[in-house]
Every structure is written in structure tokens, then in C-alpha cells.
Amino acid sequence: MAKVTNAFDTYSATADREDLSNIIYNISPMQTPFMSSIGKRSIRNVVFDWQTEVLPTVVATGQLEGFELSRAAATATARVSNVAMISSRDATVTGSQDASDPAGKRSEMAHQLAIMAKALKRDMEEALCQKGAKTTGDATTPRVTGGFESWIKTNFNNQTGTAPTGNGVAPTDSGTLRDLTEALLKVSLQKCFANGGEPSLAICGPHNKQVISGFTGRTQARQNIDANTVEASVAVYSSDFGELKIVPSNRSRERSLLLVDPEYAKVAYLRDFKTVDIATIGDAQTKMIVVEYGLEVSNEAAHSIVSDLNIS
């Protein structure tokens, strides 16, 4: 079809206003399932401690009539410590941009700080739930809090090689990986139960979340669903030792399935989230968000890890 003669079109126009949406789309992964599920406490030193204890060995035998008491030794507590690390994010905006009217934002600085706050929480999630070794640091070395994987030694379930020592020491990864199976999960849950643990949260990477959704028990489930819906996901795993909420994460290691009892883990804050104005140099403004925190694994035997898993 021919164009109308001398019709003025957008290709020739020079004064049409731009059409810029007031919605800003961001799909970067922001979930922090580990940090959001566990507890929180305040601390007053960069090195912080807690205590654990165990009951005496079970005795099922009785006593003689008129028995003479044999005094039992007292059970001492074990003192455990971790260190607090510092994480920060910052944003700098020029005076000209601050005076402008950006689409979709109340102010450029407010928007940048909102982004940095989410990024900082994501940084913390990765530090807390991975295998970073406890590092006390010095004048030239940053402190590092021992991550969740560096604490688990009682209920570990690895492929081969060195058994983890816990206490904030990074575990040694096996060079041989294996598929996650329901049998491996059951072994870890049984170990937890035998040692008094009751994990209620399973955190895994996206690949192994799909593996769990394909466990054999899934095919035997009875469901009432819409005729146009295919249900292929497992959100809760009901085991012989309780229910596990299955949560995928982009911040935990894909090669490790974390079995967590949220009652026995906490984020310990020396300094909670704080926004700091940085001294202005020239025609720009800088603000920093800083937090100082560490991980308390209140009793490592409450948790478990199935490690050395295939990642694809």
C-alpha cells in the first residue's frame, strides 16, 4: 500500500517527546533464604563465643538395692568462637544528576542505595552459607567469618577423602562428584536424628532442586490439581524424621545440600546495617552502607550437609 503524498512522519520529526517508562525492571536474583530463616543476635566484640554441651552417655542398667553412690564427673561445656567480618557497598552520584529528574526514581541516590542494600544482603548470604574459613585477619588481611559449611563435622555426608574438622575450618572438596539421591538425603536425616538434630530446611542449588523434585516418592503422590496444570515440584519433603522445606538458592554452593535447623544458627551483628555519609570531594556525593556480622552455628550437630554433588 502506497504512502499518502507529503504525509509528515516520525522519521522526519525532530521534536517528538521521548516515551520512557517509569518502571525499572530488575530480575537479578535477590533471595537470601539462609539468612532470612535463621535467628539474629547482637555481639560486642569482633570475636564472639557461645557454648555447647552434650548429655552423659545413656545408662540403661539399674542399681542394687542399698547401693553405694559412685559420684559421676560433671560434664563441662565446650566453648566455640567465630569472628565478625565487615561488608560494605557504596554509591556516588554527581551534583548534576542529583538535581535532575530521573524516570522511575524519587532520587538517583535513593535508588542507588536501595540497589546497594539488596546487593549487600546478597553478599552476606553467600559468605554465611558457603565454606569460607574462619580468618581472624590482621592489619593487612580482612577478617572472614566461618561459613556454614566450615562448621559441620558430626553429620557430614561426603563422597570420599578427608573428614571435615568443623570449628570454622573449610572442608576439603572431593574431586569426585556424585548424583544427589533420596538415599543420601535419608542417611543424613538419620544421622541428624541419632545426634538429636531436627533440620527443617533444605537449601540447594537450582540443579539439585530439580533432582529432589524427581525423587521416587514424588511419582507415588496423589494430588488434586487443575486439568491444565502440570505439578512437577517438591516444596516439602516428608521424611521419617520430620518435614523439610525445600528451598532453591543462587548463593549456596550447587555441590552441597544444606540441611538446616534454623533454631540452632544465628547471624551475629556487631554493627547492624548503617548508612554513612562519606566526605564530599568535588561535585559528587558518596554514601556507604556498612555491616559487621558473623555466623553462630549454635550446635553444629543440629545440621547436616550432603556434599560433593553433581552440579548439572
Foldseek 3Di string as FASTA:
>chain_A
DDDDPPDDDPVPDDDDDDDDALDDDDDPDQDQVQQVLAAAAADAAQKDKAKDWDDPDDDPDDADVVHDDDDDDDTDIDMAIWGKFKDKDKDKFFLVQQPDDDRNDPGPRVVVVVVRVSVRSLVVSLLAAEQQAQDPADPPGTGGTGHLQQAAQQLEAEDDDDGHPHRRHGDDHDPAAAADAPVSVQSSCVSLVVVVAQFAEKEAAPVVQLVVLPYPVNVVDDDDDDPPDDDRGDQWDQDPRGIHGYHYDPNYDNQKIKGDDSHQKYKYWNAAWDKAWDDDDPRMTMIMIMTIIHMGRNDSSNIYMNGRHDND
